[in-house]
Amino acid sequence: MKIYILSDDTFFSLGVSEIFINAGYEALVLNPGDGPACLKVCGTASATAIIDINDGERLNRIFSEGVPHNIRLLFVTRHDSVEYAHFGYFNIFIPRRIACNRVVSWLLRYLREESRELYRLTEIESAILRALLAGEPPGLIATKMKLSVKTISRIKINALNKMGVCRMNCRSLLFVSDYLNKTVFLSMTQRHYQESYTGWNSHS
């Protein structure tokens, strides 16, 4: 299995690649400054790309030409709430402060999800969470969407459950915001990549 590391932090990139090389995997550090071209070196073999970049503009440039269907994306997050995420659901994060001796096992757990149904948020779930994060009250959201407040609440809870978030607080708000921002880049992947996981669109 090939592992590609894409990070603004050179020391992080080299450290993570060394961990995987020592564990017997082929790891290669990519240069984020190459923009979309940096992903083209991945070729056609199945691989995993670990992305440690939080600048939205830079991510937009890197993914502007999509992602090869053979590449699975795993984003590094600085938000601790990821520790409590349900891995039976679609998860795209690995914590930035994870202990070195856990990095490989964390990745393997993520890759094992390939054989299971993977979930993503529906459009209405994303819209409601984004509105809540923007400070809009449920009543206003319900009026705009022509839904009841109870329906808005139910959809919000379902969406949070998918991410393993039990309640909205300062930590979980950061996690949810990061999750929503990163899933935008997943939607840029080629159609074949999305269709390979039929469970994504079959649950709300």
N, C-alpha and C. Protein backbone atom coordinates (compact mmCIF):
# COMPACT_ATOMS: atom_id res chain seq x y z
N MET A 1 0.84 -1.19 0.00
CA MET A 1 0.00 0.00 0.00
C MET A 1 0.88 1.24 0.00
N LYS A 2 0.56 2.19 -0.88
CA LYS A 2 1.31 3.44 -0.94
C LYS A 2 0.61 4.51 -0.10
N ILE A 3 1.44 5.28 0.61
CA ILE A 3 0.95 6.38 1.42
C ILE A 3 1.59 7.67 0.92
N TYR A 4 0.76 8.66 0.60
CA TYR A 4 1.28 9.96 0.20
C TYR A 4 0.97 10.97 1.29
N ILE A 5 1.93 11.80 1.64
CA ILE A 5 1.74 12.80 2.69
C ILE A 5 1.87 14.19 2.07
N LEU A 6 0.86 14.99 2.31
CA LEU A 6 0.82 16.35 1.76
C LEU A 6 0.61 17.31 2.93
N SER A 7 1.64 18.07 3.27
CA SER A 7 1.57 18.93 4.45
C SER A 7 2.40 20.19 4.26
N ASP A 8 1.97 21.27 4.95
CA ASP A 8 2.75 22.50 4.97
C ASP A 8 3.92 22.39 5.94
N ASP A 9 3.87 21.39 6.80
CA ASP A 9 4.87 21.20 7.84
C ASP A 9 5.85 20.12 7.40
N THR A 10 7.05 20.53 7.02
CA THR A 10 8.05 19.58 6.51
C THR A 10 8.42 18.54 7.56
N PHE A 11 8.56 18.97 8.80
CA PHE A 11 8.94 18.03 9.86
C PHE A 11 7.84 17.00 10.09
N PHE A 12 6.58 17.44 10.01
CA PHE A 12 5.46 16.51 10.15
C PHE A 12 5.48 15.49 9.02
N SER A 13 5.67 15.97 7.79
CA SER A 13 5.70 15.09 6.62
C SER A 13 6.78 14.03 6.73
N LEU A 14 7.98 14.47 7.07
CA LEU A 14 9.10 13.54 7.18
C LEU A 14 8.90 12.56 8.32
N GLY A 15 8.36 13.05 9.44
CA GLY A 15 8.14 12.18 10.59
C GLY A 15 7.11 11.11 10.31
N VAL A 16 5.98 11.50 9.68
CA VAL A 16 4.92 10.54 9.36
C VAL A 16 5.40 9.54 8.32
N SER A 17 6.12 10.01 7.30
CA SER A 17 6.61 9.10 6.26
C SER A 17 7.57 8.08 6.86
N GLU A 18 8.40 8.52 7.80
CA GLU A 18 9.35 7.62 8.45
C GLU A 18 8.62 6.54 9.24
N ILE A 19 7.53 6.93 9.90
CA ILE A 19 6.74 5.96 10.68
C ILE A 19 6.20 4.86 9.77
N PHE A 20 5.66 5.25 8.62
CA PHE A 20 5.09 4.26 7.71
C PHE A 20 6.17 3.41 7.03
N ILE A 21 7.28 4.03 6.70
CA ILE A 21 8.38 3.28 6.09
C ILE A 21 8.89 2.22 7.06
N ASN A 22 9.03 2.60 8.33
CA ASN A 22 9.48 1.65 9.34
C ASN A 22 8.49 0.52 9.57
N ALA A 23 7.20 0.81 9.26
CA ALA A 23 6.16 -0.21 9.42
C ALA A 23 6.04 -1.07 8.17
N GLY A 24 6.86 -0.81 7.15
CA GLY A 24 6.87 -1.64 5.96
C GLY A 24 6.04 -1.13 4.80
N TYR A 25 5.60 0.13 4.87
CA TYR A 25 4.79 0.70 3.80
C TYR A 25 5.64 1.63 2.93
N GLU A 26 5.16 1.85 1.73
CA GLU A 26 5.82 2.78 0.82
C GLU A 26 5.22 4.16 1.04
N ALA A 27 6.02 5.12 1.50
CA ALA A 27 5.52 6.46 1.81
C ALA A 27 6.30 7.50 1.01
N LEU A 28 5.57 8.48 0.50
CA LEU A 28 6.19 9.53 -0.30
C LEU A 28 5.62 10.87 0.10
N VAL A 29 6.50 11.84 0.32
CA VAL A 29 6.09 13.20 0.68
C VAL A 29 5.85 14.00 -0.61
N LEU A 30 4.68 14.62 -0.72
CA LEU A 30 4.34 15.43 -1.88
C LEU A 30 4.57 16.91 -1.56
N ASN A 31 4.78 17.70 -2.59
CA ASN A 31 5.00 19.14 -2.43
C ASN A 31 3.70 19.89 -2.69
N PRO A 32 3.08 20.48 -1.64
CA PRO A 32 1.81 21.19 -1.85
C PRO A 32 1.95 22.39 -2.77
N GLY A 33 3.17 22.88 -2.92
CA GLY A 33 3.39 24.03 -3.80
C GLY A 33 3.18 23.71 -5.26
N ASP A 34 3.11 22.42 -5.60
CA ASP A 34 2.90 22.02 -7.00
C ASP A 34 1.44 22.12 -7.42
N GLY A 35 0.54 22.44 -6.49
CA GLY A 35 -0.88 22.56 -6.82
C GLY A 35 -1.45 21.24 -7.29
N PRO A 36 -2.35 21.26 -8.29
CA PRO A 36 -2.98 20.03 -8.77
C PRO A 36 -1.97 18.98 -9.25
N ALA A 37 -0.82 19.44 -9.70
CA ALA A 37 0.20 18.52 -10.24
C ALA A 37 0.73 17.58 -9.17
N CYS A 38 0.65 17.98 -7.91
CA CYS A 38 1.24 17.14 -6.86
C CYS A 38 0.52 15.82 -6.72
N LEU A 39 -0.78 15.76 -7.08
CA LEU A 39 -1.53 14.51 -6.98
C LEU A 39 -1.33 13.60 -8.19
N LYS A 40 -0.82 14.17 -9.27
CA LYS A 40 -0.65 13.37 -10.49
C LYS A 40 0.46 12.34 -10.36
N VAL A 41 1.36 12.54 -9.40
CA VAL A 41 2.45 11.58 -9.22
C VAL A 41 1.93 10.29 -8.57
N CYS A 42 0.68 10.31 -8.10
CA CYS A 42 0.13 9.13 -7.43
C CYS A 42 -0.11 7.98 -8.39
N GLY A 43 -0.19 8.28 -9.68
CA GLY A 43 -0.39 7.20 -10.65
C GLY A 43 -1.77 6.58 -10.57
N THR A 44 -1.86 5.30 -10.95
CA THR A 44 -3.17 4.63 -11.01
C THR A 44 -3.33 3.53 -9.97
N ALA A 45 -2.28 3.22 -9.23
CA ALA A 45 -2.38 2.19 -8.19
C ALA A 45 -3.13 2.74 -6.98
N SER A 46 -3.80 1.84 -6.27
CA SER A 46 -4.55 2.26 -5.08
C SER A 46 -3.59 2.83 -4.04
N ALA A 47 -3.99 3.93 -3.43
CA ALA A 47 -3.14 4.58 -2.44
C ALA A 47 -3.99 5.44 -1.52
N THR A 48 -3.37 5.90 -0.44
CA THR A 48 -4.03 6.79 0.50
C THR A 48 -3.21 8.07 0.60
N ALA A 49 -3.89 9.21 0.54
CA ALA A 49 -3.22 10.50 0.68
C ALA A 49 -3.61 11.12 2.01
N ILE A 50 -2.62 11.41 2.85
CA ILE A 50 -2.84 12.07 4.13
C ILE A 50 -2.60 13.56 3.93
N ILE A 51 -3.66 14.36 4.11
CA ILE A 51 -3.60 15.79 3.84
C ILE A 51 -3.56 16.58 5.15
N ASP A 52 -2.48 17.32 5.35
CA ASP A 52 -2.33 18.15 6.56
C ASP A 52 -2.22 19.61 6.15
N ILE A 53 -3.29 20.11 5.52
CA ILE A 53 -3.34 21.51 5.09
C ILE A 53 -4.73 22.04 5.46
N ASN A 54 -4.77 23.20 6.11
CA ASN A 54 -6.05 23.75 6.53
C ASN A 54 -6.42 25.03 5.80
N ASP A 55 -5.52 25.54 4.97
CA ASP A 55 -5.81 26.74 4.19
C ASP A 55 -6.76 26.37 3.05
N GLY A 56 -7.98 26.90 3.11
CA GLY A 56 -8.99 26.57 2.10
C GLY A 56 -8.58 26.91 0.69
N GLU A 57 -7.91 28.06 0.50
CA GLU A 57 -7.49 28.46 -0.84
C GLU A 57 -6.48 27.48 -1.42
N ARG A 58 -5.55 27.06 -0.59
CA ARG A 58 -4.53 26.11 -1.06
C ARG A 58 -5.18 24.77 -1.40
N LEU A 59 -6.11 24.33 -0.56
CA LEU A 59 -6.80 23.07 -0.84
C LEU A 59 -7.61 23.16 -2.13
N ASN A 60 -8.22 24.31 -2.36
CA ASN A 60 -8.98 24.51 -3.59
C ASN A 60 -8.08 24.37 -4.81
N ARG A 61 -6.88 24.93 -4.73
CA ARG A 61 -5.95 24.82 -5.85
C ARG A 61 -5.50 23.38 -6.06
N ILE A 62 -5.20 22.70 -4.97
CA ILE A 62 -4.70 21.32 -5.07
C ILE A 62 -5.76 20.40 -5.67
N PHE A 63 -7.01 20.59 -5.28
CA PHE A 63 -8.08 19.70 -5.74
C PHE A 63 -8.88 20.26 -6.91
N SER A 64 -8.38 21.33 -7.51
CA SER A 64 -9.14 21.99 -8.58
C SER A 64 -9.38 21.09 -9.79
N GLU A 65 -8.53 20.09 -9.97
CA GLU A 65 -8.71 19.17 -11.11
C GLU A 65 -9.24 17.82 -10.66
N GLY A 66 -9.79 17.77 -9.43
CA GLY A 66 -10.35 16.52 -8.92
C GLY A 66 -9.28 15.64 -8.31
N VAL A 67 -9.70 14.45 -7.92
CA VAL A 67 -8.79 13.48 -7.30
C VAL A 67 -8.94 12.16 -8.04
N PRO A 68 -7.85 11.51 -8.41
CA PRO A 68 -7.95 10.20 -9.07
C PRO A 68 -8.79 9.24 -8.23
N HIS A 69 -9.62 8.43 -8.89
CA HIS A 69 -10.55 7.55 -8.17
C HIS A 69 -9.84 6.52 -7.31
N ASN A 70 -8.55 6.28 -7.58
CA ASN A 70 -7.82 5.26 -6.82
C ASN A 70 -7.24 5.81 -5.51
N ILE A 71 -7.39 7.12 -5.27
CA ILE A 71 -6.81 7.74 -4.09
C ILE A 71 -7.89 7.96 -3.03
N ARG A 72 -7.63 7.46 -1.83
CA ARG A 72 -8.52 7.72 -0.71
C ARG A 72 -7.92 8.85 0.12
N LEU A 73 -8.76 9.81 0.50
CA LEU A 73 -8.29 10.98 1.22
C LEU A 73 -8.49 10.82 2.72
N LEU A 74 -7.49 11.23 3.47
CA LEU A 74 -7.56 11.24 4.92
C LEU A 74 -6.98 12.57 5.38
N PHE A 75 -7.81 13.38 6.04
CA PHE A 75 -7.38 14.71 6.47
C PHE A 75 -6.92 14.70 7.92
N VAL A 76 -5.90 15.49 8.19
CA VAL A 76 -5.42 15.67 9.56
C VAL A 76 -6.21 16.81 10.19
N THR A 77 -6.72 16.60 11.39
CA THR A 77 -7.45 17.65 12.08
C THR A 77 -6.78 17.99 13.40
N ARG A 78 -6.92 19.23 13.80
CA ARG A 78 -6.36 19.67 15.08
C ARG A 78 -7.41 19.68 16.19
N HIS A 79 -8.59 19.17 15.88
CA HIS A 79 -9.69 19.23 16.85
C HIS A 79 -9.89 17.89 17.55
N ASP A 80 -9.84 17.90 18.87
CA ASP A 80 -9.86 16.68 19.67
C ASP A 80 -11.14 15.86 19.54
N SER A 81 -12.23 16.49 19.12
CA SER A 81 -13.51 15.77 19.05
C SER A 81 -13.44 14.55 18.15
N VAL A 82 -12.46 14.51 17.25
CA VAL A 82 -12.33 13.37 16.36
C VAL A 82 -12.13 12.07 17.14
N GLU A 83 -11.57 12.17 18.35
CA GLU A 83 -11.34 10.98 19.15
C GLU A 83 -12.64 10.26 19.46
N TYR A 84 -13.74 10.98 19.43
CA TYR A 84 -15.02 10.40 19.83
C TYR A 84 -15.90 10.05 18.63
N ALA A 85 -15.36 10.21 17.42
CA ALA A 85 -16.15 9.92 16.24
C ALA A 85 -16.43 8.43 16.12
N HIS A 86 -17.59 8.08 15.55
CA HIS A 86 -17.95 6.69 15.34
C HIS A 86 -17.30 6.20 14.06
N PHE A 87 -16.43 5.23 14.17
CA PHE A 87 -15.75 4.76 12.97
C PHE A 87 -16.59 3.79 12.15
N GLY A 88 -17.79 3.45 12.63
CA GLY A 88 -18.70 2.68 11.80
C GLY A 88 -19.30 3.55 10.72
N TYR A 89 -19.12 4.87 10.87
CA TYR A 89 -19.62 5.82 9.90
C TYR A 89 -18.45 6.38 9.10
N PHE A 90 -18.80 7.16 8.10
CA PHE A 90 -17.78 7.74 7.23
C PHE A 90 -16.94 8.73 8.03
N ASN A 91 -15.65 8.49 8.13
CA ASN A 91 -14.77 9.38 8.85
C ASN A 91 -13.58 9.72 7.96
N ILE A 92 -13.21 10.98 7.96
CA ILE A 92 -12.14 11.42 7.07
C ILE A 92 -10.97 12.01 7.83
N PHE A 93 -10.96 11.86 9.15
CA PHE A 93 -9.97 12.54 9.97
C PHE A 93 -9.00 11.62 10.69
N ILE A 94 -7.81 12.13 10.89
CA ILE A 94 -6.84 11.54 11.80
C ILE A 94 -6.36 12.71 12.67
N PRO A 95 -6.31 12.56 14.00
CA PRO A 95 -5.94 13.70 14.86
C PRO A 95 -4.48 14.10 14.71
N ARG A 96 -4.21 15.40 14.70
CA ARG A 96 -2.86 15.92 14.53
C ARG A 96 -1.96 15.52 15.69
N ARG A 97 -2.56 15.42 16.89
CA ARG A 97 -1.75 15.14 18.08
C ARG A 97 -1.76 13.67 18.48
N ILE A 98 -2.02 12.81 17.52
CA ILE A 98 -2.03 11.38 17.82
C ILE A 98 -0.61 10.91 18.15
N ALA A 99 -0.50 9.95 19.06
CA ALA A 99 0.81 9.42 19.42
C ALA A 99 1.41 8.67 18.22
N CYS A 100 2.72 8.79 18.06
CA CYS A 100 3.39 8.18 16.91
C CYS A 100 3.10 6.69 16.78
N ASN A 101 3.04 5.99 17.92
CA ASN A 101 2.84 4.54 17.87
C ASN A 101 1.40 4.16 17.52
N ARG A 102 0.52 5.15 17.34
CA ARG A 102 -0.86 4.86 16.98
C ARG A 102 -1.20 5.24 15.55
N VAL A 103 -0.29 5.92 14.86
CA VAL A 103 -0.59 6.42 13.52
C VAL A 103 -0.94 5.29 12.55
N VAL A 104 -0.13 4.24 12.53
CA VAL A 104 -0.35 3.14 11.60
C VAL A 104 -1.66 2.42 11.89
N SER A 105 -1.93 2.12 13.16
CA SER A 105 -3.16 1.41 13.51
C SER A 105 -4.38 2.27 13.20
N TRP A 106 -4.26 3.58 13.36
CA TRP A 106 -5.38 4.49 13.05
C TRP A 106 -5.69 4.44 11.56
N LEU A 107 -4.64 4.47 10.73
CA LEU A 107 -4.84 4.42 9.29
C LEU A 107 -5.45 3.09 8.86
N LEU A 108 -4.97 1.99 9.42
CA LEU A 108 -5.48 0.67 9.05
C LEU A 108 -6.95 0.54 9.44
N ARG A 109 -7.32 1.12 10.57
CA ARG A 109 -8.73 1.09 10.98
C ARG A 109 -9.58 1.86 9.97
N TYR A 110 -9.05 2.97 9.50
CA TYR A 110 -9.75 3.77 8.49
C TYR A 110 -9.90 2.99 7.19
N LEU A 111 -8.85 2.32 6.76
CA LEU A 111 -8.89 1.58 5.51
C LEU A 111 -9.83 0.38 5.58
N ARG A 112 -10.00 -0.21 6.75
CA ARG A 112 -10.91 -1.35 6.89
C ARG A 112 -12.36 -0.94 6.63
N GLU A 113 -12.65 0.36 6.74
CA GLU A 113 -14.01 0.83 6.48
C GLU A 113 -14.37 0.69 5.00
N GLU A 114 -13.37 0.42 4.16
CA GLU A 114 -13.62 0.32 2.72
C GLU A 114 -14.65 -0.75 2.40
N SER A 115 -14.69 -1.81 3.20
CA SER A 115 -15.61 -2.91 2.92
C SER A 115 -16.98 -2.70 3.54
N ARG A 116 -17.16 -1.57 4.22
CA ARG A 116 -18.43 -1.30 4.86
C ARG A 116 -19.11 -0.12 4.18
N GLU A 117 -20.40 0.08 4.51
CA GLU A 117 -21.08 1.23 3.95
C GLU A 117 -20.50 2.51 4.55
N LEU A 118 -20.22 3.47 3.69
CA LEU A 118 -19.69 4.74 4.16
C LEU A 118 -20.75 5.81 3.97
N TYR A 119 -20.82 6.71 4.91
CA TYR A 119 -21.85 7.72 4.91
C TYR A 119 -21.26 9.10 4.66
N ARG A 120 -22.07 9.96 4.11
CA ARG A 120 -21.72 11.37 4.07
C ARG A 120 -23.00 12.14 4.37
N LEU A 121 -22.86 13.38 4.70
CA LEU A 121 -24.01 14.20 5.01
C LEU A 121 -24.80 14.50 3.75
N THR A 122 -26.12 14.53 3.88
CA THR A 122 -26.96 14.92 2.75
C THR A 122 -26.87 16.44 2.60
N GLU A 123 -27.39 16.94 1.49
CA GLU A 123 -27.34 18.38 1.25
C GLU A 123 -28.10 19.16 2.32
N ILE A 124 -29.26 18.64 2.71
CA ILE A 124 -30.06 19.36 3.71
C ILE A 124 -29.39 19.30 5.08
N GLU A 125 -28.74 18.18 5.40
CA GLU A 125 -28.01 18.08 6.66
C GLU A 125 -26.87 19.10 6.70
N SER A 126 -26.13 19.19 5.61
CA SER A 126 -25.03 20.15 5.54
C SER A 126 -25.54 21.58 5.64
N ALA A 127 -26.64 21.86 4.94
CA ALA A 127 -27.20 23.21 4.93
C ALA A 127 -27.65 23.63 6.33
N ILE A 128 -28.29 22.72 7.05
CA ILE A 128 -28.78 23.02 8.40
C ILE A 128 -27.61 23.24 9.36
N LEU A 129 -26.60 22.38 9.28
CA LEU A 129 -25.45 22.54 10.16
C LEU A 129 -24.70 23.83 9.86
N ARG A 130 -24.56 24.17 8.58
CA ARG A 130 -23.88 25.41 8.22
C ARG A 130 -24.65 26.63 8.74
N ALA A 131 -25.98 26.55 8.64
CA ALA A 131 -26.81 27.66 9.13
C ALA A 131 -26.67 27.80 10.65
N LEU A 132 -26.67 26.69 11.35
CA LEU A 132 -26.52 26.72 12.81
C LEU A 132 -25.15 27.26 13.20
N LEU A 133 -24.11 26.85 12.47
CA LEU A 133 -22.77 27.34 12.74
C LEU A 133 -22.66 28.84 12.47
N ALA A 134 -23.49 29.34 11.55
CA ALA A 134 -23.49 30.77 11.23
C ALA A 134 -24.29 31.58 12.25
N GLY A 135 -24.89 30.87 13.21
CA GLY A 135 -25.61 31.56 14.27
C GLY A 135 -27.10 31.74 14.04
N GLU A 136 -27.63 31.14 12.98
CA GLU A 136 -29.06 31.27 12.72
C GLU A 136 -29.86 30.40 13.68
N PRO A 137 -30.94 30.93 14.27
CA PRO A 137 -31.77 30.14 15.18
C PRO A 137 -32.59 29.10 14.43
N PRO A 138 -32.91 27.98 15.06
CA PRO A 138 -33.68 26.92 14.40
C PRO A 138 -35.00 27.42 13.79
N GLY A 139 -35.65 28.37 14.48
CA GLY A 139 -36.92 28.88 13.96
C GLY A 139 -36.77 29.55 12.62
N LEU A 140 -35.69 30.34 12.46
CA LEU A 140 -35.44 31.03 11.19
C LEU A 140 -35.09 30.03 10.10
N ILE A 141 -34.27 29.03 10.45
CA ILE A 141 -33.90 27.99 9.49
C ILE A 141 -35.15 27.24 9.02
N ALA A 142 -36.03 26.92 9.97
CA ALA A 142 -37.26 26.21 9.65
C ALA A 142 -38.12 27.01 8.69
N THR A 143 -38.21 28.32 8.93
CA THR A 143 -39.01 29.19 8.05
C THR A 143 -38.42 29.23 6.65
N LYS A 144 -37.11 29.40 6.56
CA LYS A 144 -36.45 29.47 5.25
C LYS A 144 -36.62 28.17 4.47
N MET A 145 -36.54 27.04 5.16
CA MET A 145 -36.61 25.75 4.49
C MET A 145 -38.02 25.19 4.41
N LYS A 146 -38.96 25.93 4.99
CA LYS A 146 -40.37 25.50 4.99
C LYS A 146 -40.53 24.14 5.65
N LEU A 147 -39.85 23.99 6.79
CA LEU A 147 -39.93 22.77 7.59
C LEU A 147 -40.30 23.16 9.02
N SER A 148 -40.69 22.19 9.81
CA SER A 148 -40.99 22.47 11.21
C SER A 148 -39.70 22.52 12.01
N VAL A 149 -39.73 23.20 13.15
CA VAL A 149 -38.56 23.27 14.03
C VAL A 149 -38.18 21.87 14.50
N LYS A 150 -39.20 21.03 14.73
CA LYS A 150 -38.94 19.65 15.16
C LYS A 150 -38.18 18.88 14.08
N THR A 151 -38.54 19.10 12.82
CA THR A 151 -37.84 18.43 11.72
C THR A 151 -36.40 18.91 11.62
N ILE A 152 -36.19 20.21 11.78
CA ILE A 152 -34.84 20.77 11.76
C ILE A 152 -33.99 20.13 12.86
N SER A 153 -34.58 20.00 14.05
CA SER A 153 -33.87 19.40 15.18
C SER A 153 -33.52 17.94 14.89
N ARG A 154 -34.46 17.20 14.31
CA ARG A 154 -34.23 15.78 14.02
C ARG A 154 -33.12 15.61 12.99
N ILE A 155 -33.15 16.44 11.94
CA ILE A 155 -32.12 16.36 10.90
C ILE A 155 -30.74 16.72 11.48
N LYS A 156 -30.72 17.73 12.35
CA LYS A 156 -29.45 18.12 12.98
C LYS A 156 -28.88 16.97 13.80
N ILE A 157 -29.73 16.33 14.59
CA ILE A 157 -29.28 15.22 15.43
C ILE A 157 -28.76 14.06 14.58
N ASN A 158 -29.48 13.74 13.50
CA ASN A 158 -29.04 12.66 12.60
C ASN A 158 -27.67 12.97 12.00
N ALA A 159 -27.48 14.23 11.61
CA ALA A 159 -26.21 14.63 11.01
C ALA A 159 -25.07 14.53 12.02
N LEU A 160 -25.33 14.99 13.23
CA LEU A 160 -24.29 14.92 14.27
C LEU A 160 -23.96 13.48 14.63
N ASN A 161 -24.99 12.63 14.64
CA ASN A 161 -24.76 11.21 14.93
C ASN A 161 -23.84 10.57 13.89
N LYS A 162 -23.97 10.99 12.65
CA LYS A 162 -23.11 10.44 11.60
C LYS A 162 -21.64 10.74 11.87
N MET A 163 -21.42 11.88 12.52
CA MET A 163 -20.04 12.29 12.81
C MET A 163 -19.58 11.86 14.19
N GLY A 164 -20.46 11.21 14.93
CA GLY A 164 -20.10 10.77 16.26
C GLY A 164 -20.10 11.88 17.28
N VAL A 165 -20.80 12.98 16.99
CA VAL A 165 -20.86 14.12 17.90
C VAL A 165 -22.13 14.01 18.75
N CYS A 166 -21.95 13.96 20.06
CA CYS A 166 -23.09 13.78 20.97
C CYS A 166 -23.81 15.09 21.27
N ARG A 167 -23.08 16.19 21.34
CA ARG A 167 -23.71 17.47 21.67
C ARG A 167 -22.89 18.61 21.08
N MET A 168 -23.55 19.73 20.88
CA MET A 168 -22.89 20.90 20.33
C MET A 168 -22.24 21.71 21.45
N ASN A 169 -20.92 21.81 21.45
CA ASN A 169 -20.20 22.66 22.37
C ASN A 169 -19.02 23.26 21.61
N CYS A 170 -18.15 23.97 22.31
CA CYS A 170 -17.05 24.66 21.62
C CYS A 170 -16.17 23.69 20.82
N ARG A 171 -15.84 22.55 21.43
CA ARG A 171 -14.98 21.57 20.75
C ARG A 171 -15.68 20.96 19.55
N SER A 172 -16.93 20.56 19.75
CA SER A 172 -17.63 19.89 18.66
C SER A 172 -17.96 20.86 17.53
N LEU A 173 -18.18 22.14 17.84
CA LEU A 173 -18.45 23.13 16.80
C LEU A 173 -17.26 23.25 15.85
N LEU A 174 -16.06 23.27 16.42
CA LEU A 174 -14.85 23.33 15.59
C LEU A 174 -14.72 22.09 14.72
N PHE A 175 -15.02 20.94 15.33
CA PHE A 175 -14.94 19.67 14.61
C PHE A 175 -15.94 19.63 13.46
N VAL A 176 -17.19 20.03 13.74
CA VAL A 176 -18.24 20.01 12.71
C VAL A 176 -17.89 20.97 11.58
N SER A 177 -17.38 22.14 11.92
CA SER A 177 -16.99 23.12 10.90
C SER A 177 -15.88 22.56 10.02
N ASP A 178 -14.89 21.95 10.64
CA ASP A 178 -13.78 21.36 9.89
C ASP A 178 -14.28 20.23 8.99
N TYR A 179 -15.19 19.43 9.51
CA TYR A 179 -15.75 18.30 8.77
C TYR A 179 -16.47 18.82 7.52
N LEU A 180 -17.32 19.83 7.70
CA LEU A 180 -18.08 20.38 6.58
C LEU A 180 -17.15 20.95 5.52
N ASN A 181 -16.11 21.64 5.97
CA ASN A 181 -15.18 22.24 5.01
C ASN A 181 -14.41 21.18 4.24
N LYS A 182 -14.00 20.11 4.91
CA LYS A 182 -13.21 19.08 4.24
C LYS A 182 -14.06 18.22 3.29
N THR A 183 -15.32 18.00 3.62
CA THR A 183 -16.15 17.18 2.73
C THR A 183 -16.42 17.87 1.40
N VAL A 184 -16.24 19.19 1.36
CA VAL A 184 -16.36 19.91 0.09
C VAL A 184 -15.34 19.37 -0.90
N PHE A 185 -14.14 19.07 -0.41
CA PHE A 185 -13.09 18.58 -1.30
C PHE A 185 -13.34 17.14 -1.73
N LEU A 186 -14.01 16.38 -0.87
CA LEU A 186 -14.37 15.03 -1.27
C LEU A 186 -15.35 15.05 -2.43
N SER A 187 -16.22 16.06 -2.44
CA SER A 187 -17.21 16.16 -3.52
C SER A 187 -16.56 16.50 -4.85
N MET A 188 -15.29 16.93 -4.82
CA MET A 188 -14.58 17.25 -6.06
C MET A 188 -13.98 16.01 -6.71
N THR A 189 -14.02 14.88 -6.01
CA THR A 189 -13.42 13.68 -6.56
C THR A 189 -14.19 13.20 -7.77
N GLN A 190 -13.55 12.38 -8.57
CA GLN A 190 -14.18 11.89 -9.79
C GLN A 190 -15.41 11.05 -9.46
N ARG A 191 -16.36 11.04 -10.38
CA ARG A 191 -17.63 10.35 -10.18
C ARG A 191 -17.44 8.88 -9.85
N HIS A 192 -16.47 8.26 -10.48
CA HIS A 192 -16.23 6.84 -10.26
C HIS A 192 -15.88 6.57 -8.80
N TYR A 193 -15.13 7.48 -8.22
CA TYR A 193 -14.72 7.33 -6.82
C TYR A 193 -15.95 7.37 -5.93
N GLN A 194 -16.87 8.29 -6.19
CA GLN A 194 -18.07 8.42 -5.38
C GLN A 194 -18.99 7.22 -5.55
N GLU A 195 -19.14 6.76 -6.79
CA GLU A 195 -20.07 5.68 -7.05
C GLU A 195 -19.58 4.34 -6.52
N SER A 196 -18.31 4.25 -6.19
CA SER A 196 -17.78 2.99 -5.66
C SER A 196 -18.28 2.73 -4.24
N TYR A 197 -18.86 3.74 -3.61
CA TYR A 197 -19.43 3.59 -2.27
C TYR A 197 -20.92 3.88 -2.34
N THR A 198 -21.72 2.87 -2.69
CA THR A 198 -23.14 3.07 -2.92
C THR A 198 -23.87 3.49 -1.66
N GLY A 199 -23.33 3.19 -0.50
CA GLY A 199 -24.00 3.54 0.74
C GLY A 199 -24.02 5.02 1.02
N TRP A 200 -23.16 5.79 0.35
CA TRP A 200 -23.06 7.22 0.64
C TRP A 200 -24.40 7.92 0.45
N ASN A 201 -25.11 7.60 -0.63
CA ASN A 201 -26.32 8.34 -0.96
C ASN A 201 -27.60 7.61 -0.53
N SER A 202 -27.47 6.48 0.15
CA SER A 202 -28.66 5.69 0.47
C SER A 202 -29.18 5.92 1.89
N HIS A 203 -28.52 6.86 2.62
CA HIS A 203 -28.93 7.13 3.99
C HIS A 203 -29.07 8.62 4.22
N SER A 204 -30.00 8.99 5.04
CA SER A 204 -30.18 10.41 5.36
C SER A 204 -30.27 10.55 6.86
